[in-house]
Amino acid sequence: MATSSENTIAKAAQEVTNDEKETNGTEEVAVEPKTGVSFPVKLDDGKQLNCVGLRKKSMLGCGIKVYSYGMYADNEKLKDLLKSKIGKAPEKPTKELYQMVIDSDVEIVVRLAIVYSSLTISMVRKNFGEGLGASIKKLNGGKKNDELDNKVMGQASDDIKLTSGSLIEISRLPGFVLETKVMGEVISKVESELLCRAYINMYLGDDPLDKDAKDKFGISLISLF
């Protein structure tokens, strides 16, 4: 018989699974509630959507919605990783749980859907330089590595026109390779364990871009046990 804590975990996991779900034609999607942007619950290669979130940025004293995002993962490999390291599901997401995901090379895809219609590639480059640069510094003993964080968006041409709904997809691939696509075009592919860890740390670390999204990702991890 399931314990009360197991029932609580199962209920929370089900709430995450059903959160803002709807059907768009024949495709099941999850909707980021603050923007209305929808994300398919499964990618063509089978990766599952574990959370949706929102990146906000303060500009001129206002909170600007920059992009919505969905985090997808190879959940079977995540499950194998977690069970081999922990074995039994914790009652709630722990720092150790998130850290295992951050430090691993299990494939994770973050799909960014642009919300701010005036966003330019140069603004994206600056935003990534700030956020990713800070994450690299934190994981690198307080040392900056501008050359490394510039490799992600540094080759993206300013001629690329972003509009509301444009997609940027950043994937951590096995072997600690970070691949960046802008509207389907590969912009960069960088092999670096530090860079991969720092990127996922932006979403699942101590100071995440969207805490609610991090919490939902954590509950989805527990549901894998």
Protein backbone atom coordinates (compact mmCIF):
# COMPACT_ATOMS: atom_id res chain seq x y z
CA MET A 1 0.00 0.00 0.00
CA ALA A 2 1.30 3.46 -0.88
CA THR A 3 2.40 5.71 1.99
CA SER A 4 0.97 9.19 2.48
CA SER A 5 4.22 10.76 1.22
CA GLU A 6 4.12 8.57 -1.91
CA ASN A 7 0.51 9.61 -2.50
CA THR A 8 1.50 13.28 -2.12
CA ILE A 9 4.31 12.86 -4.65
CA ALA A 10 2.03 11.07 -7.11
CA LYS A 11 -0.62 13.77 -6.79
CA ALA A 12 1.92 16.56 -7.31
CA ALA A 13 3.41 14.78 -10.30
CA GLN A 14 -0.03 14.38 -11.84
CA GLU A 15 -0.71 18.09 -11.33
CA VAL A 16 2.50 18.92 -13.19
CA THR A 17 1.63 16.51 -15.97
CA ASN A 18 -1.82 18.04 -16.38
CA ASP A 19 -0.81 21.67 -15.81
CA GLU A 20 -2.37 23.84 -18.48
CA LYS A 21 -2.56 20.94 -20.93
CA GLU A 22 -4.76 21.12 -23.97
CA THR A 23 -4.98 19.67 -27.43
CA ASN A 24 -3.95 21.69 -30.46
CA GLY A 25 -5.42 19.74 -33.36
CA THR A 26 -3.99 16.26 -32.85
CA GLU A 27 -1.01 17.45 -30.81
CA GLU A 28 -1.11 17.60 -27.01
CA VAL A 29 0.48 20.78 -25.70
CA ALA A 30 1.22 22.51 -22.40
CA VAL A 31 0.56 26.25 -22.13
CA GLU A 32 2.80 28.68 -20.27
CA PRO A 33 0.05 30.53 -18.35
CA LYS A 34 1.58 34.03 -18.16
CA THR A 35 2.06 34.33 -21.93
CA GLY A 36 -0.29 31.76 -23.48
CA VAL A 37 2.60 30.22 -25.44
CA SER A 38 2.09 26.48 -26.03
CA PHE A 39 4.71 23.74 -26.14
CA PRO A 40 4.23 20.16 -27.39
CA VAL A 41 4.38 17.71 -24.49
CA LYS A 42 6.63 15.42 -26.55
CA LEU A 43 9.20 16.16 -29.25
CA ASP A 44 9.51 14.06 -32.40
CA ASP A 45 12.51 12.22 -30.92
CA GLY A 46 10.55 11.24 -27.81
CA LYS A 47 11.89 13.75 -25.32
CA GLN A 48 9.28 14.70 -22.73
CA LEU A 49 8.32 18.19 -21.58
CA ASN A 50 9.13 18.45 -17.85
CA CYS A 51 8.21 22.10 -17.23
CA VAL A 52 7.35 25.42 -18.84
CA GLY A 53 8.56 28.78 -17.59
CA LEU A 54 9.05 32.45 -18.30
CA ARG A 55 12.17 34.61 -18.56
CA LYS A 56 11.53 38.17 -17.39
CA LYS A 57 13.95 41.06 -17.58
CA SER A 58 13.81 44.42 -15.84
CA MET A 59 13.99 47.29 -18.35
CA LEU A 60 13.44 50.90 -17.34
CA GLY A 61 11.87 49.76 -14.10
CA CYS A 62 9.40 47.44 -15.83
CA GLY A 63 9.34 43.64 -15.89
CA ILE A 64 9.48 42.69 -19.56
CA LYS A 65 8.43 39.19 -20.63
CA VAL A 66 11.34 38.18 -22.87
CA TYR A 67 10.61 34.55 -23.71
CA SER A 68 8.66 31.53 -22.58
CA TYR A 69 10.48 28.24 -22.43
CA GLY A 70 9.91 24.53 -22.23
CA MET A 71 12.48 22.09 -20.84
CA TYR A 72 12.56 18.65 -22.43
CA ALA A 73 14.65 15.66 -21.39
CA ASP A 74 15.44 12.07 -22.19
CA ASN A 75 13.47 10.91 -19.15
CA GLU A 76 14.44 7.25 -19.44
CA LYS A 77 18.11 8.15 -19.08
CA LEU A 78 17.29 10.61 -16.31
CA LYS A 79 15.42 7.83 -14.50
CA ASP A 80 18.40 5.47 -14.83
CA LEU A 81 20.74 8.20 -13.54
CA LEU A 82 18.62 9.08 -10.51
CA LYS A 83 17.90 5.48 -9.50
CA SER A 84 21.59 4.57 -9.75
CA LYS A 85 22.57 7.53 -7.56
CA ILE A 86 19.68 7.69 -5.08
CA GLY A 87 17.56 4.58 -5.44
CA LYS A 88 14.53 5.78 -3.49
CA ALA A 89 12.48 8.87 -4.32
CA PRO A 90 12.88 11.77 -1.86
CA GLU A 91 9.71 13.29 -0.41
CA LYS A 92 10.38 16.55 -2.24
CA PRO A 93 12.92 17.85 -4.76
CA THR A 94 16.32 18.36 -3.17
CA LYS A 95 19.42 20.32 -4.11
CA GLU A 96 21.20 16.99 -4.59
CA LEU A 97 18.54 15.91 -7.09
CA TYR A 98 18.88 19.05 -9.19
CA GLN A 99 22.69 18.95 -8.97
CA MET A 100 22.79 15.44 -10.41
CA VAL A 101 20.88 16.68 -13.46
CA ILE A 102 23.09 19.77 -13.80
CA ASP A 103 26.30 17.73 -13.59
CA SER A 104 25.18 14.91 -15.89
CA ASP A 105 25.38 14.76 -19.68
CA VAL A 106 21.82 13.43 -20.11
CA GLU A 107 20.30 15.15 -23.13
CA ILE A 108 18.16 18.18 -22.27
CA VAL A 109 16.57 20.58 -24.75
CA VAL A 110 15.40 24.06 -23.78
CA ARG A 111 13.04 25.52 -26.37
CA LEU A 112 12.73 29.31 -26.12
CA ALA A 113 9.74 31.03 -27.71
CA ILE A 114 10.26 34.77 -28.10
CA VAL A 115 7.54 36.88 -26.49
CA TYR A 116 9.08 40.39 -26.57
CA SER A 117 8.43 41.53 -30.13
CA SER A 118 11.25 44.11 -30.19
CA LEU A 119 13.96 41.60 -29.27
CA THR A 120 17.05 41.59 -31.48
CA ILE A 121 19.92 39.13 -31.79
CA SER A 122 22.27 41.64 -30.17
CA MET A 123 19.90 41.85 -27.18
CA VAL A 124 19.77 38.05 -26.98
CA ARG A 125 23.57 37.96 -27.12
CA LYS A 126 23.83 40.47 -24.28
CA ASN A 127 21.19 38.68 -22.21
CA PHE A 128 22.98 35.35 -22.59
CA GLY A 129 26.30 36.99 -21.84
CA GLU A 130 24.95 38.28 -18.54
CA GLY A 131 23.01 35.22 -17.37
CA LEU A 132 25.30 32.51 -18.66
CA GLY A 133 28.39 34.48 -17.71
CA ALA A 134 27.21 34.74 -14.10
CA SER A 135 26.42 31.02 -14.02
CA ILE A 136 29.86 30.12 -15.40
CA LYS A 137 31.51 32.37 -12.82
CA LYS A 138 29.58 30.71 -10.00
CA LEU A 139 30.58 27.20 -11.10
CA ASN A 140 34.14 28.21 -11.93
CA GLY A 141 35.35 29.29 -8.50
CA GLY A 142 34.41 32.93 -9.05
CA LYS A 143 36.37 33.23 -12.28
CA LYS A 144 34.78 34.75 -15.40
CA ASN A 145 35.18 33.12 -18.81
CA ASP A 146 33.88 35.61 -21.38
CA GLU A 147 35.39 33.65 -24.26
CA LEU A 148 33.37 30.58 -23.32
CA ASP A 149 29.98 32.22 -22.83
CA ASN A 150 30.42 34.25 -26.04
CA LYS A 151 30.65 31.01 -28.03
CA VAL A 152 26.94 30.30 -27.56
CA MET A 153 25.44 33.26 -29.42
CA GLY A 154 28.60 34.96 -30.66
CA GLN A 155 28.26 33.63 -34.20
CA ALA A 156 24.60 34.57 -34.57
CA SER A 157 24.25 37.20 -37.29
CA ASP A 158 22.63 40.51 -36.43
CA ASP A 159 20.75 40.12 -39.73
CA ILE A 160 18.56 37.41 -38.18
CA LYS A 161 15.13 38.93 -37.61
CA LEU A 162 13.34 37.80 -34.48
CA THR A 163 9.60 38.23 -34.08
CA SER A 164 7.13 37.16 -31.43
CA GLY A 165 6.97 33.37 -31.68
CA SER A 166 10.49 32.89 -33.10
CA LEU A 167 12.16 29.79 -31.66
CA ILE A 168 15.64 29.40 -30.22
CA GLU A 169 16.58 25.88 -29.15
CA ILE A 170 19.57 25.16 -26.95
CA SER A 171 20.43 21.51 -26.35
CA ARG A 172 22.86 19.81 -24.04
CA LEU A 173 23.94 16.76 -26.00
CA PRO A 174 25.73 13.64 -24.68
CA GLY A 175 29.46 14.24 -24.32
CA PHE A 176 28.87 17.74 -22.87
CA VAL A 177 28.14 19.47 -26.17
CA LEU A 178 25.95 22.59 -26.14
CA GLU A 179 24.19 23.14 -29.47
CA THR A 180 22.31 26.35 -30.28
CA LYS A 181 19.73 26.70 -33.05
CA VAL A 182 17.96 29.91 -34.05
CA MET A 183 14.81 29.22 -36.06
CA GLY A 184 16.14 25.79 -37.02
CA GLU A 185 19.62 26.94 -38.08
CA VAL A 186 22.60 25.68 -36.07
CA ILE A 187 24.47 28.74 -34.78
CA SER A 188 27.02 27.09 -32.52
CA LYS A 189 28.10 23.71 -31.22
CA VAL A 190 30.53 23.88 -28.31
CA GLU A 191 32.06 20.97 -26.41
CA SER A 192 32.54 22.07 -22.80
CA GLU A 193 31.46 20.42 -19.56
CA LEU A 194 31.58 23.76 -17.72
CA LEU A 195 29.43 25.47 -20.34
CA CYS A 196 26.84 22.67 -20.32
CA ARG A 197 26.64 22.63 -16.52
CA ALA A 198 26.41 26.43 -16.37
CA TYR A 199 23.58 26.54 -18.89
CA ILE A 200 21.39 23.99 -17.09
CA ASN A 201 22.31 25.67 -13.80
CA MET A 202 20.55 28.81 -15.06
CA TYR A 203 17.26 26.90 -14.92
CA LEU A 204 17.79 24.39 -12.10
CA GLY A 205 20.41 26.03 -9.87
CA ASP A 206 20.10 28.08 -6.68
CA ASP A 207 19.00 31.24 -8.54
CA PRO A 208 16.79 29.92 -11.39
CA LEU A 209 15.24 32.08 -14.10
CA ASP A 210 11.78 30.86 -13.02
CA LYS A 211 11.47 29.20 -9.60
CA ASP A 212 8.01 27.76 -10.33
CA ALA A 213 9.39 26.07 -13.45
CA LYS A 214 12.31 24.66 -11.47
CA ASP A 215 9.92 23.28 -8.85
CA LYS A 216 7.81 21.59 -11.54
CA PHE A 217 10.92 20.09 -13.12
CA GLY A 218 11.88 18.75 -9.69
CA ILE A 219 8.49 17.14 -9.15
CA SER A 220 8.69 15.57 -12.59
CA LEU A 221 12.06 14.06 -11.55
CA ILE A 222 10.51 12.50 -8.45
CA SER A 223 7.72 11.02 -10.58
CA LEU A 224 10.36 9.06 -12.53
CA PHE A 225 11.13 6.82 -9.54
